[in-house]
Amino acid sequence: MASTVEIPLVGGAADGQTVTVELDSNGRPPLTHHHLGDGGLAEAEIYELETVEATTDRWRYCWRGRAV
C-alpha cells in the first residue's frame, strides 16, 4: 500500500483546504495538483508543490492559475 500525506492548498478558490496525495517511491508527492471547481475541469485550478522547510518533509501546494 502506498504512503499518503495531507498537503494544504494556498491561494485560489481552494485556499485553506487540504488534499491527500500518494507519495512516489522516493517519498515525494506529485509536483502539481489540479483542483476541480464546481464546473469540473472547466473550472480547474493548478497548484504547484513547494517545500515549506527544507530539513523536513513539509510541503504546500501554491495556486498558479486556472487550468483552462
N, C-alpha and C. Protein backbone atom coordinates (compact mmCIF):
# COMPACT_ATOMS: atom_id res chain seq x y z
N MET A 1 0.84 -1.18 0.00
CA MET A 1 0.00 0.00 0.00
C MET A 1 0.89 1.24 0.00
N ALA A 2 0.57 2.22 -0.83
CA ALA A 2 1.35 3.43 -0.94
C ALA A 2 1.11 4.33 0.26
N SER A 3 2.14 5.09 0.61
CA SER A 3 2.01 6.06 1.69
C SER A 3 1.31 7.30 1.17
N THR A 4 0.57 7.96 2.04
CA THR A 4 -0.12 9.19 1.66
C THR A 4 0.23 10.29 2.65
N VAL A 5 -0.04 11.53 2.24
CA VAL A 5 0.20 12.69 3.08
C VAL A 5 -0.85 13.74 2.75
N GLU A 6 -1.24 14.53 3.74
CA GLU A 6 -2.15 15.65 3.51
C GLU A 6 -1.32 16.91 3.30
N ILE A 7 -1.66 17.64 2.25
CA ILE A 7 -0.92 18.85 1.90
C ILE A 7 -1.91 20.00 1.77
N PRO A 8 -1.61 21.14 2.43
CA PRO A 8 -2.52 22.29 2.33
C PRO A 8 -2.43 22.99 0.97
N LEU A 9 -3.57 23.58 0.57
CA LEU A 9 -3.64 24.39 -0.65
C LEU A 9 -3.59 25.85 -0.22
N VAL A 10 -2.75 26.64 -0.91
CA VAL A 10 -2.57 28.05 -0.57
C VAL A 10 -2.93 28.90 -1.78
N GLY A 11 -3.87 29.83 -1.60
CA GLY A 11 -4.30 30.72 -2.67
C GLY A 11 -5.43 30.11 -3.49
N GLY A 12 -5.96 30.90 -4.40
CA GLY A 12 -7.04 30.44 -5.26
C GLY A 12 -8.31 30.13 -4.51
N ALA A 13 -9.25 29.52 -5.20
CA ALA A 13 -10.56 29.23 -4.62
C ALA A 13 -10.50 28.19 -3.51
N ALA A 14 -9.49 27.34 -3.51
CA ALA A 14 -9.39 26.26 -2.51
C ALA A 14 -8.49 26.61 -1.33
N ASP A 15 -8.13 27.88 -1.20
CA ASP A 15 -7.24 28.32 -0.12
C ASP A 15 -7.73 27.82 1.24
N GLY A 16 -6.82 27.19 2.00
CA GLY A 16 -7.16 26.68 3.32
C GLY A 16 -7.60 25.23 3.35
N GLN A 17 -7.90 24.66 2.20
CA GLN A 17 -8.27 23.25 2.13
C GLN A 17 -7.01 22.40 2.09
N THR A 18 -7.18 21.10 2.31
CA THR A 18 -6.06 20.17 2.17
C THR A 18 -6.44 19.07 1.20
N VAL A 19 -5.43 18.44 0.60
CA VAL A 19 -5.65 17.29 -0.27
C VAL A 19 -4.77 16.14 0.23
N THR A 20 -5.26 14.94 0.08
CA THR A 20 -4.49 13.75 0.41
C THR A 20 -3.93 13.17 -0.89
N VAL A 21 -2.60 13.04 -0.94
CA VAL A 21 -1.95 12.53 -2.16
C VAL A 21 -1.03 11.37 -1.81
N GLU A 22 -0.79 10.51 -2.79
CA GLU A 22 0.14 9.40 -2.62
C GLU A 22 1.57 9.86 -2.86
N LEU A 23 2.48 9.33 -2.08
CA LEU A 23 3.90 9.62 -2.26
C LEU A 23 4.49 8.64 -3.25
N ASP A 24 5.46 9.11 -4.04
CA ASP A 24 6.10 8.22 -5.01
C ASP A 24 7.13 7.33 -4.30
N SER A 25 7.88 6.55 -5.05
CA SER A 25 8.84 5.62 -4.47
C SER A 25 9.99 6.33 -3.75
N ASN A 26 10.17 7.63 -4.01
CA ASN A 26 11.19 8.42 -3.33
C ASN A 26 10.64 9.19 -2.14
N GLY A 27 9.35 8.96 -1.82
CA GLY A 27 8.73 9.64 -0.69
C GLY A 27 8.30 11.06 -0.97
N ARG A 28 8.07 11.40 -2.25
CA ARG A 28 7.67 12.75 -2.63
C ARG A 28 6.27 12.75 -3.24
N PRO A 29 5.52 13.83 -2.99
CA PRO A 29 4.19 13.96 -3.59
C PRO A 29 4.29 14.43 -5.05
N PRO A 30 3.17 14.36 -5.80
CA PRO A 30 3.16 14.87 -7.17
C PRO A 30 3.55 16.36 -7.22
N LEU A 31 4.17 16.79 -8.31
CA LEU A 31 4.62 18.17 -8.44
C LEU A 31 3.49 19.16 -8.60
N THR A 32 2.35 18.72 -9.12
CA THR A 32 1.20 19.60 -9.27
C THR A 32 -0.07 18.91 -8.80
N HIS A 33 -1.06 19.74 -8.49
CA HIS A 33 -2.39 19.25 -8.14
C HIS A 33 -3.40 20.07 -8.92
N HIS A 34 -4.32 19.41 -9.61
CA HIS A 34 -5.39 20.10 -10.33
C HIS A 34 -6.64 20.02 -9.48
N HIS A 35 -7.03 21.15 -8.92
CA HIS A 35 -8.21 21.20 -8.05
C HIS A 35 -9.43 21.54 -8.90
N LEU A 36 -10.41 20.63 -8.91
CA LEU A 36 -11.59 20.81 -9.74
C LEU A 36 -12.58 21.77 -9.07
N GLY A 37 -13.14 22.67 -9.85
CA GLY A 37 -14.17 23.56 -9.36
C GLY A 37 -15.54 22.92 -9.49
N ASP A 38 -16.58 23.68 -9.17
CA ASP A 38 -17.95 23.16 -9.28
C ASP A 38 -18.29 22.73 -10.71
N GLY A 39 -17.65 23.36 -11.69
CA GLY A 39 -17.89 23.04 -13.09
C GLY A 39 -16.96 21.96 -13.63
N GLY A 40 -16.28 21.23 -12.74
CA GLY A 40 -15.36 20.18 -13.16
C GLY A 40 -14.10 20.74 -13.78
N LEU A 41 -13.62 20.11 -14.84
CA LEU A 41 -12.38 20.53 -15.48
C LEU A 41 -12.44 21.95 -16.03
N ALA A 42 -13.63 22.41 -16.39
CA ALA A 42 -13.78 23.75 -16.94
C ALA A 42 -13.42 24.82 -15.92
N GLU A 43 -13.46 24.49 -14.63
CA GLU A 43 -13.13 25.45 -13.57
C GLU A 43 -11.94 24.97 -12.73
N ALA A 44 -11.11 24.10 -13.28
CA ALA A 44 -9.97 23.57 -12.54
C ALA A 44 -8.91 24.64 -12.33
N GLU A 45 -8.22 24.55 -11.20
CA GLU A 45 -7.12 25.44 -10.88
C GLU A 45 -5.87 24.60 -10.66
N ILE A 46 -4.71 25.14 -11.05
CA ILE A 46 -3.45 24.42 -10.91
C ILE A 46 -2.72 24.92 -9.66
N TYR A 47 -2.28 23.96 -8.85
CA TYR A 47 -1.47 24.24 -7.67
C TYR A 47 -0.14 23.53 -7.85
N GLU A 48 0.95 24.21 -7.48
CA GLU A 48 2.29 23.67 -7.67
C GLU A 48 2.94 23.40 -6.31
N LEU A 49 3.63 22.28 -6.20
CA LEU A 49 4.26 21.86 -4.95
C LEU A 49 5.41 22.80 -4.58
N GLU A 50 5.45 23.18 -3.31
CA GLU A 50 6.57 23.94 -2.75
C GLU A 50 6.98 23.29 -1.45
N THR A 51 8.27 23.32 -1.16
CA THR A 51 8.77 22.83 0.11
C THR A 51 8.67 23.95 1.13
N VAL A 52 8.08 23.66 2.29
CA VAL A 52 7.94 24.67 3.34
C VAL A 52 9.21 24.74 4.16
N GLU A 53 9.76 23.59 4.54
CA GLU A 53 11.00 23.53 5.29
C GLU A 53 11.91 22.49 4.65
N ALA A 54 13.08 22.91 4.24
CA ALA A 54 13.99 22.01 3.53
C ALA A 54 14.46 20.84 4.38
N THR A 55 14.48 21.00 5.70
CA THR A 55 15.00 19.95 6.57
C THR A 55 13.95 18.91 6.94
N THR A 56 12.70 19.17 6.57
CA THR A 56 11.63 18.22 6.88
C THR A 56 10.83 17.92 5.62
N ASP A 57 9.98 16.94 5.70
CA ASP A 57 9.10 16.61 4.57
C ASP A 57 7.79 17.37 4.71
N ARG A 58 7.87 18.70 4.71
CA ARG A 58 6.67 19.52 4.79
C ARG A 58 6.51 20.27 3.48
N TRP A 59 5.31 20.14 2.91
CA TRP A 59 5.04 20.76 1.62
C TRP A 59 3.74 21.54 1.67
N ARG A 60 3.54 22.34 0.62
CA ARG A 60 2.25 23.00 0.37
C ARG A 60 2.11 23.10 -1.14
N TYR A 61 0.84 23.16 -1.57
CA TYR A 61 0.53 23.42 -2.97
C TYR A 61 0.10 24.88 -3.10
N CYS A 62 0.84 25.65 -3.89
CA CYS A 62 0.53 27.07 -4.09
C CYS A 62 -0.17 27.28 -5.43
N TRP A 63 -1.18 28.13 -5.41
CA TRP A 63 -2.00 28.41 -6.58
C TRP A 63 -1.16 29.06 -7.67
N ARG A 64 -1.31 28.58 -8.90
CA ARG A 64 -0.58 29.14 -10.05
C ARG A 64 -1.52 29.71 -11.11
N GLY A 65 -2.79 29.36 -11.07
CA GLY A 65 -3.72 29.89 -12.05
C GLY A 65 -4.73 28.86 -12.49
N ARG A 66 -5.60 29.30 -13.37
CA ARG A 66 -6.63 28.42 -13.91
C ARG A 66 -6.02 27.47 -14.92
N ALA A 67 -6.55 26.27 -14.99
CA ALA A 67 -6.03 25.27 -15.92
C ALA A 67 -6.51 25.51 -17.35
N VAL A 68 -7.63 26.17 -17.52
CA VAL A 68 -8.19 26.38 -18.86
C VAL A 68 -8.14 27.84 -19.21
